[in-house]
Every structure is written in C-alpha cells, then in structure tokens.
Amino acid sequence: MKKSMKFQKQQRVQQEFGGPVMKVIGLEPELIENIITQWQDEQGNIITGKFMDSVLVPATESDS
C-alpha cells in the first residue's frame, strides 16, 4: 500500500520550528526520512537534506 505524500516536488517548505525555506527536490515514501530538500546557506552554498514529513510545514510567501 502506497503512503500518500503530504508534500510535492518543487514545493517550498521549512521545519515546523523555523529555519531556512527549502525546496522539495525528491520524495522517498518507503523511507522514514522521506522528503529530500535543498536550500542555500548564508555563504551561498547549496545544501541538500532529508527530513521526516512530520517535521516540515509548507512555507508561507513571507518566509524567504
């Protein structure tokens, strides 16, 4: 049975307690850390991370 995904590729998200706005670049529904994200840090480095969907929320337009 396939788990329905809470987020979609290219969606802007952030961690529920704050932090950088990230773009969803991949989904791995079979894994616990199933959302692959990417964002740019203060120095301009591109960072890729994996998160559980339960710790992410959609980013609002005022977040950047």
N, C-alpha and C. Protein backbone atom coordinates (compact mmCIF):
# COMPACT_ATOMS: atom_id res chain seq x y z
N MET A 1 0.85 -1.18 0.00
CA MET A 1 0.00 0.00 0.00
C MET A 1 0.89 1.24 0.00
N LYS A 2 0.67 2.10 -0.95
CA LYS A 2 1.50 3.30 -1.08
C LYS A 2 0.99 4.40 -0.16
N LYS A 3 1.91 4.97 0.60
CA LYS A 3 1.58 6.07 1.50
C LYS A 3 1.39 7.35 0.69
N SER A 4 0.31 8.09 0.94
CA SER A 4 0.12 9.34 0.21
C SER A 4 1.09 10.38 0.76
N MET A 5 1.68 11.15 -0.12
CA MET A 5 2.68 12.12 0.27
C MET A 5 2.03 13.45 0.61
N LYS A 6 2.50 14.05 1.69
CA LYS A 6 1.99 15.32 2.18
C LYS A 6 2.55 16.49 1.36
N PHE A 7 3.71 16.31 0.75
CA PHE A 7 4.38 17.37 0.00
C PHE A 7 4.62 16.92 -1.43
N GLN A 8 4.90 17.90 -2.30
CA GLN A 8 5.16 17.62 -3.71
C GLN A 8 6.50 18.22 -4.10
N LYS A 9 7.11 17.69 -5.15
CA LYS A 9 8.37 18.26 -5.66
C LYS A 9 8.15 19.72 -6.03
N GLN A 10 9.17 20.52 -5.80
CA GLN A 10 9.21 21.96 -6.06
C GLN A 10 8.45 22.78 -5.02
N GLN A 11 7.77 22.13 -4.09
CA GLN A 11 7.06 22.87 -3.04
C GLN A 11 8.07 23.48 -2.07
N ARG A 12 7.76 24.68 -1.57
CA ARG A 12 8.62 25.35 -0.59
C ARG A 12 8.15 24.95 0.81
N VAL A 13 9.09 24.49 1.63
CA VAL A 13 8.78 24.02 2.98
C VAL A 13 9.82 24.56 3.96
N GLN A 14 9.52 24.44 5.25
CA GLN A 14 10.51 24.70 6.27
C GLN A 14 10.18 23.83 7.47
N GLN A 15 11.13 23.71 8.39
CA GLN A 15 10.89 22.92 9.59
C GLN A 15 9.85 23.63 10.44
N GLU A 16 9.04 22.86 11.15
CA GLU A 16 7.93 23.44 11.90
C GLU A 16 8.38 24.44 12.96
N PHE A 17 9.62 24.34 13.45
CA PHE A 17 10.10 25.25 14.47
C PHE A 17 10.92 26.40 13.88
N GLY A 18 10.94 26.54 12.56
CA GLY A 18 11.66 27.63 11.91
C GLY A 18 12.83 27.12 11.10
N GLY A 19 13.65 28.03 10.65
CA GLY A 19 14.80 27.66 9.85
C GLY A 19 14.64 28.12 8.42
N PRO A 20 15.59 27.73 7.57
CA PRO A 20 15.55 28.21 6.18
C PRO A 20 14.38 27.64 5.41
N VAL A 21 13.92 28.41 4.42
CA VAL A 21 12.92 27.89 3.49
C VAL A 21 13.66 27.01 2.50
N MET A 22 13.13 25.81 2.28
CA MET A 22 13.77 24.81 1.43
C MET A 22 12.83 24.41 0.31
N LYS A 23 13.39 23.92 -0.78
CA LYS A 23 12.59 23.42 -1.89
C LYS A 23 12.64 21.89 -1.86
N VAL A 24 11.48 21.25 -1.99
CA VAL A 24 11.43 19.79 -2.07
C VAL A 24 11.96 19.38 -3.44
N ILE A 25 13.00 18.55 -3.45
CA ILE A 25 13.58 18.10 -4.72
C ILE A 25 13.39 16.61 -4.96
N GLY A 26 12.91 15.89 -3.95
CA GLY A 26 12.70 14.46 -4.11
C GLY A 26 11.85 13.88 -3.00
N LEU A 27 11.22 12.75 -3.31
CA LEU A 27 10.35 12.07 -2.35
C LEU A 27 10.73 10.59 -2.31
N GLU A 28 10.87 10.04 -1.12
CA GLU A 28 11.18 8.62 -0.95
C GLU A 28 10.17 8.04 0.04
N PRO A 29 8.95 7.74 -0.41
CA PRO A 29 7.88 7.32 0.51
C PRO A 29 8.18 6.06 1.30
N GLU A 30 9.13 5.24 0.84
CA GLU A 30 9.44 4.00 1.56
C GLU A 30 10.38 4.21 2.74
N LEU A 31 10.95 5.40 2.88
CA LEU A 31 11.90 5.68 3.96
C LEU A 31 11.29 6.54 5.06
N ILE A 32 11.88 6.50 6.25
CA ILE A 32 11.40 7.34 7.35
C ILE A 32 11.71 8.80 7.07
N GLU A 33 12.96 9.11 6.72
CA GLU A 33 13.31 10.48 6.30
C GLU A 33 13.03 10.53 4.81
N ASN A 34 11.78 10.87 4.46
CA ASN A 34 11.29 10.65 3.10
C ASN A 34 11.19 11.90 2.24
N ILE A 35 11.55 13.06 2.76
CA ILE A 35 11.48 14.29 1.97
C ILE A 35 12.91 14.80 1.76
N ILE A 36 13.32 14.92 0.50
CA ILE A 36 14.65 15.43 0.18
C ILE A 36 14.50 16.90 -0.19
N THR A 37 15.27 17.75 0.50
CA THR A 37 15.15 19.19 0.29
C THR A 37 16.50 19.80 -0.08
N GLN A 38 16.42 21.01 -0.59
CA GLN A 38 17.63 21.75 -0.94
C GLN A 38 17.41 23.22 -0.62
N TRP A 39 18.47 23.87 -0.10
CA TRP A 39 18.40 25.30 0.20
C TRP A 39 19.79 25.89 0.10
N GLN A 40 19.85 27.22 0.13
CA GLN A 40 21.13 27.93 0.04
C GLN A 40 21.43 28.56 1.39
N ASP A 41 22.66 28.35 1.89
CA ASP A 41 23.04 28.94 3.18
C ASP A 41 23.53 30.38 2.99
N GLU A 42 23.91 31.01 4.11
CA GLU A 42 24.32 32.42 4.09
C GLU A 42 25.55 32.67 3.22
N GLN A 43 26.40 31.66 3.04
CA GLN A 43 27.60 31.81 2.22
C GLN A 43 27.35 31.48 0.75
N GLY A 44 26.14 31.11 0.42
CA GLY A 44 25.81 30.77 -0.97
C GLY A 44 25.97 29.31 -1.32
N ASN A 45 26.30 28.46 -0.34
CA ASN A 45 26.43 27.03 -0.58
C ASN A 45 25.06 26.39 -0.73
N ILE A 46 24.94 25.45 -1.66
CA ILE A 46 23.70 24.69 -1.83
C ILE A 46 23.77 23.48 -0.90
N ILE A 47 22.79 23.36 -0.02
CA ILE A 47 22.74 22.28 0.96
C ILE A 47 21.57 21.36 0.61
N THR A 48 21.80 20.06 0.70
CA THR A 48 20.75 19.07 0.50
C THR A 48 20.54 18.33 1.81
N GLY A 49 19.29 18.11 2.18
CA GLY A 49 18.98 17.42 3.43
C GLY A 49 17.78 16.52 3.28
N LYS A 50 17.65 15.58 4.22
CA LYS A 50 16.50 14.68 4.24
C LYS A 50 15.78 14.85 5.57
N PHE A 51 14.46 14.91 5.51
CA PHE A 51 13.64 15.13 6.69
C PHE A 51 12.44 14.19 6.69
N MET A 52 11.93 13.93 7.88
CA MET A 52 10.64 13.25 8.00
C MET A 52 9.56 14.26 7.66
N ASP A 53 8.52 13.83 6.96
CA ASP A 53 7.47 14.79 6.59
C ASP A 53 6.77 15.38 7.80
N SER A 54 6.84 14.71 8.94
CA SER A 54 6.15 15.20 10.14
C SER A 54 6.82 16.43 10.75
N VAL A 55 8.06 16.74 10.39
CA VAL A 55 8.74 17.92 10.95
C VAL A 55 8.73 19.11 9.99
N LEU A 56 8.12 18.93 8.81
CA LEU A 56 8.08 20.01 7.82
C LEU A 56 6.68 20.58 7.69
N VAL A 57 6.61 21.87 7.37
CA VAL A 57 5.35 22.55 7.10
C VAL A 57 5.53 23.36 5.82
N PRO A 58 4.43 23.63 5.10
CA PRO A 58 4.55 24.49 3.92
C PRO A 58 5.06 25.87 4.32
N ALA A 59 5.96 26.43 3.52
CA ALA A 59 6.48 27.78 3.79
C ALA A 59 5.45 28.79 3.30
N THR A 60 5.33 29.88 4.04
CA THR A 60 4.44 30.95 3.60
C THR A 60 5.21 31.88 2.69
N GLU A 61 4.52 32.66 1.90
CA GLU A 61 5.17 33.56 0.94
C GLU A 61 6.05 34.60 1.61
N SER A 62 5.74 34.97 2.86
CA SER A 62 6.54 35.99 3.55
C SER A 62 7.87 35.44 4.05
N ASP A 63 8.03 34.11 4.09
CA ASP A 63 9.28 33.48 4.51
C ASP A 63 10.24 33.47 3.32
N SER A 64 11.53 33.70 3.61
CA SER A 64 12.49 33.61 2.49
C SER A 64 13.84 33.14 2.95
